Amino acid sequence: MPSFNSKKGQIFLNSKNIADVASWYCAIVLIALILVTIVRDTSMNIIPNHVHNNFMENNHLFSIKPCDEIYVVGEGETLHTISDKCDDPFIVENNPHIHDPDDVFPGLVIKITPSHHC
């Protein structure tokens, strides 16, 4: 590193050192953010979607419920898949407005009564 006797040269070298340190700091922060994102995305793939959605809504693991008491049927769902997902084997019996179990459509509102409570 060349040394300068003038005050202006010392200021330039100090500014360059500060810029180098700032660049390294930004690079380390960027790498840390990338690693956190990768770890978060990997951990979210381990948790099933319906559990992950409830976890994100409730912000703590102990209040995870399979389904809410009022459930809105989504695209491609059947009473069988909802029954398995929500642990409610008596969906038809608890919803008298469902006359035909095969006639389930997106947007249909049903009542869910899980067979066991945590």
C-alpha atoms as a PDB file:
ATOM      1  CA  MET A   1       0.000   0.000   0.000  1.00  0.00           C
ATOM      2  CA  PRO A   2       1.604   3.294  -1.001  1.00  0.00           C
ATOM      3  CA  SER A   3       1.879   5.934   1.641  1.00  0.00           C
ATOM      4  CA  PHE A   4       1.165   9.557   1.003  1.00  0.00           C
ATOM      5  CA  ASN A   5       2.427  12.426   3.058  1.00  0.00           C
ATOM      6  CA  SER A   6      -0.349  14.778   2.101  1.00  0.00           C
ATOM      7  CA  LYS A   7      -3.527  14.973   4.149  1.00  0.00           C
ATOM      8  CA  LYS A   8      -5.646  14.524   1.015  1.00  0.00           C
ATOM      9  CA  GLY A   9      -3.969  11.187   0.220  1.00  0.00           C
ATOM     10  CA  GLN A  10      -4.633   9.841   3.722  1.00  0.00           C
ATOM     11  CA  ILE A  11      -8.295  10.790   3.474  1.00  0.00           C
ATOM     12  CA  PHE A  12      -8.544   8.942   0.142  1.00  0.00           C
ATOM     13  CA  LEU A  13      -7.008   5.786   1.615  1.00  0.00           C
ATOM     14  CA  ASN A  14      -9.288   5.923   4.661  1.00  0.00           C
ATOM     15  CA  SER A  15     -12.345   6.352   2.432  1.00  0.00           C
ATOM     16  CA  LYS A  16     -11.248   3.391   0.337  1.00  0.00           C
ATOM     17  CA  ASN A  17     -10.861   1.240   3.462  1.00  0.00           C
ATOM     18  CA  ILE A  18     -14.304   2.234   4.649  1.00  0.00           C
ATOM     19  CA  ALA A  19     -15.776   1.400   1.240  1.00  0.00           C
ATOM     20  CA  ASP A  20     -14.068  -2.012   1.275  1.00  0.00           C
ATOM     21  CA  VAL A  21     -15.414  -2.803   4.738  1.00  0.00           C
ATOM     22  CA  ALA A  22     -18.904  -1.674   3.730  1.00  0.00           C
ATOM     23  CA  SER A  23     -18.767  -3.870   0.609  1.00  0.00           C
ATOM     24  CA  TRP A  24     -17.773  -6.919   2.637  1.00  0.00           C
ATOM     25  CA  TYR A  25     -20.504  -6.212   5.182  1.00  0.00           C
ATOM     26  CA  CYS A  26     -23.141  -5.989   2.407  1.00  0.00           C
ATOM     27  CA  ALA A  27     -21.883  -9.213   0.831  1.00  0.00           C
ATOM     28  CA  ILE A  28     -22.082 -11.077   4.149  1.00  0.00           C
ATOM     29  CA  VAL A  29     -25.600  -9.779   4.820  1.00  0.00           C
ATOM     30  CA  LEU A  30     -26.692 -10.793   1.319  1.00  0.00           C
ATOM     31  CA  ILE A  31     -25.290 -14.318   1.747  1.00  0.00           C
ATOM     32  CA  ALA A  32     -26.993 -14.626   5.144  1.00  0.00           C
ATOM     33  CA  LEU A  33     -30.359 -13.611   3.647  1.00  0.00           C
ATOM     34  CA  ILE A  34     -29.978 -16.122   0.832  1.00  0.00           C
ATOM     35  CA  LEU A  35     -29.170 -18.909   3.308  1.00  0.00           C
ATOM     36  CA  VAL A  36     -32.137 -18.006   5.531  1.00  0.00           C
ATOM     37  CA  THR A  37     -34.447 -18.074   2.504  1.00  0.00           C
ATOM     38  CA  ILE A  38     -33.150 -21.474   1.392  1.00  0.00           C
ATOM     39  CA  VAL A  39     -33.552 -22.948   4.878  1.00  0.00           C
ATOM     40  CA  ARG A  40     -37.047 -21.487   5.263  1.00  0.00           C
ATOM     41  CA  ASP A  41     -38.174 -22.800   1.866  1.00  0.00           C
ATOM     42  CA  THR A  42     -36.739 -26.238   2.633  1.00  0.00           C
ATOM     43  CA  SER A  43     -38.459 -26.421   6.018  1.00  0.00           C
ATOM     44  CA  MET A  44     -41.785 -25.328   4.509  1.00  0.00           C
ATOM     45  CA  ASN A  45     -41.635 -28.237   2.043  1.00  0.00           C
ATOM     46  CA  ILE A  46     -41.448 -30.689   4.946  1.00  0.00           C
ATOM     47  CA  ILE A  47     -44.737 -29.457   6.499  1.00  0.00           C
ATOM     48  CA  PRO A  48     -47.966 -30.303   4.574  1.00  0.00           C
ATOM     49  CA  ASN A  49     -49.738 -27.289   3.048  1.00  0.00           C
ATOM     50  CA  HIS A  50     -52.846 -27.342   5.253  1.00  0.00           C
ATOM     51  CA  VAL A  51     -50.667 -27.529   8.386  1.00  0.00           C
ATOM     52  CA  HIS A  52     -48.336 -24.817   7.069  1.00  0.00           C
ATOM     53  CA  ASN A  53     -51.266 -22.476   6.302  1.00  0.00           C
ATOM     54  CA  ASN A  54     -52.728 -22.897   9.786  1.00  0.00           C
ATOM     55  CA  PHE A  55     -49.272 -22.437  11.301  1.00  0.00           C
ATOM     56  CA  MET A  56     -48.748 -19.196   9.404  1.00  0.00           C
ATOM     57  CA  GLU A  57     -52.217 -17.866  10.343  1.00  0.00           C
ATOM     58  CA  ASN A  58     -51.930 -18.712  14.038  1.00  0.00           C
ATOM     59  CA  ASN A  59     -48.205 -17.924  14.470  1.00  0.00           C
ATOM     60  CA  HIS A  60     -47.597 -20.783  16.868  1.00  0.00           C
ATOM     61  CA  LEU A  61     -47.417 -24.520  16.527  1.00  0.00           C
ATOM     62  CA  PHE A  62     -49.674 -25.481  19.439  1.00  0.00           C
ATOM     63  CA  SER A  63     -52.858 -24.081  17.911  1.00  0.00           C
ATOM     64  CA  ILE A  64     -52.652 -26.006  14.645  1.00  0.00           C
ATOM     65  CA  LYS A  65     -56.065 -27.436  13.799  1.00  0.00           C
ATOM     66  CA  PRO A  66     -56.733 -29.681  10.803  1.00  0.00           C
ATOM     67  CA  CYS A  67     -59.684 -27.494   9.692  1.00  0.00           C
ATOM     68  CA  ASP A  68     -61.841 -24.686  10.969  1.00  0.00           C
ATOM     69  CA  GLU A  69     -65.391 -25.402  12.121  1.00  0.00           C
ATOM     70  CA  ILE A  70     -66.741 -23.757   8.976  1.00  0.00           C
ATOM     71  CA  TYR A  71     -65.088 -25.119   5.831  1.00  0.00           C
ATOM     72  CA  VAL A  72     -65.388 -23.867   2.256  1.00  0.00           C
ATOM     73  CA  VAL A  73     -64.926 -26.593  -0.340  1.00  0.00           C
ATOM     74  CA  GLY A  74     -62.089 -25.925  -2.783  1.00  0.00           C
ATOM     75  CA  GLU A  75     -61.534 -26.903  -6.408  1.00  0.00           C
ATOM     76  CA  GLY A  76     -61.133 -30.671  -6.874  1.00  0.00           C
ATOM     77  CA  GLU A  77     -62.103 -31.629  -3.315  1.00  0.00           C
ATOM     78  CA  THR A  78     -64.550 -34.396  -2.473  1.00  0.00           C
ATOM     79  CA  LEU A  79     -66.289 -35.202   0.785  1.00  0.00           C
ATOM     80  CA  HIS A  80     -63.908 -38.128   1.160  1.00  0.00           C
ATOM     81  CA  THR A  81     -60.771 -35.980   0.849  1.00  0.00           C
ATOM     82  CA  ILE A  82     -62.239 -33.346   3.189  1.00  0.00           C
ATOM     83  CA  SER A  83     -63.202 -36.050   5.674  1.00  0.00           C
ATOM     84  CA  ASP A  84     -59.652 -37.408   5.681  1.00  0.00           C
ATOM     85  CA  LYS A  85     -58.057 -33.961   5.846  1.00  0.00           C
ATOM     86  CA  CYS A  86     -60.314 -32.655   8.634  1.00  0.00           C
ATOM     87  CA  ASP A  87     -60.750 -35.936  10.543  1.00  0.00           C
ATOM     88  CA  ASP A  88     -64.559 -35.749  10.329  1.00  0.00           C
ATOM     89  CA  PRO A  89     -66.101 -39.063   9.259  1.00  0.00           C
ATOM     90  CA  PHE A  90     -69.668 -37.693   9.681  1.00  0.00           C
ATOM     91  CA  ILE A  91     -69.683 -34.745   7.271  1.00  0.00           C
ATOM     92  CA  VAL A  92     -72.906 -35.790   5.497  1.00  0.00           C
ATOM     93  CA  GLU A  93     -74.738 -36.467   8.772  1.00  0.00           C
ATOM     94  CA  ASN A  94     -73.707 -33.097  10.250  1.00  0.00           C
ATOM     95  CA  ASN A  95     -74.645 -31.129   7.107  1.00  0.00           C
ATOM     96  CA  PRO A  96     -78.336 -31.722   6.256  1.00  0.00           C
ATOM     97  CA  HIS A  97     -78.116 -29.328   3.283  1.00  0.00           C
ATOM     98  CA  ILE A  98     -75.954 -31.910   1.456  1.00  0.00           C
ATOM     99  CA  HIS A  99     -78.519 -34.186  -0.182  1.00  0.00           C
ATOM    100  CA  ASP A 100     -76.133 -35.972  -2.551  1.00  0.00           C
ATOM    101  CA  PRO A 101     -72.559 -36.654  -1.347  1.00  0.00           C
ATOM    102  CA  ASP A 102     -71.402 -36.715  -4.990  1.00  0.00           C
ATOM    103  CA  ASP A 103     -72.764 -33.210  -5.628  1.00  0.00           C
ATOM    104  CA  VAL A 104     -69.993 -31.216  -3.941  1.00  0.00           C
ATOM    105  CA  PHE A 105     -68.805 -28.056  -5.638  1.00  0.00           C
ATOM    106  CA  PRO A 106     -66.221 -25.336  -4.951  1.00  0.00           C
ATOM    107  CA  GLY A 107     -67.590 -22.690  -2.619  1.00  0.00           C
ATOM    108  CA  LEU A 108     -69.950 -25.062  -0.777  1.00  0.00           C
ATOM    109  CA  VAL A 109     -69.895 -24.243   2.942  1.00  0.00           C
ATOM    110  CA  ILE A 110     -69.922 -27.194   5.317  1.00  0.00           C
ATOM    111  CA  LYS A 111     -69.673 -27.669   9.073  1.00  0.00           C
ATOM    112  CA  ILE A 112     -66.698 -29.673  10.325  1.00  0.00           C
ATOM    113  CA  THR A 113     -66.758 -31.609  13.590  1.00  0.00           C
ATOM    114  CA  PRO A 114     -63.402 -33.369  14.104  1.00  0.00           C
ATOM    115  CA  SER A 115     -63.674 -36.786  15.750  1.00  0.00           C
ATOM    116  CA  HIS A 116     -60.982 -35.935  18.341  1.00  0.00           C
ATOM    117  CA  HIS A 117     -59.936 -32.625  19.864  1.00  0.00           C
ATOM    118  CA  CYS A 118     -56.400 -31.685  20.927  1.00  0.00           C
END
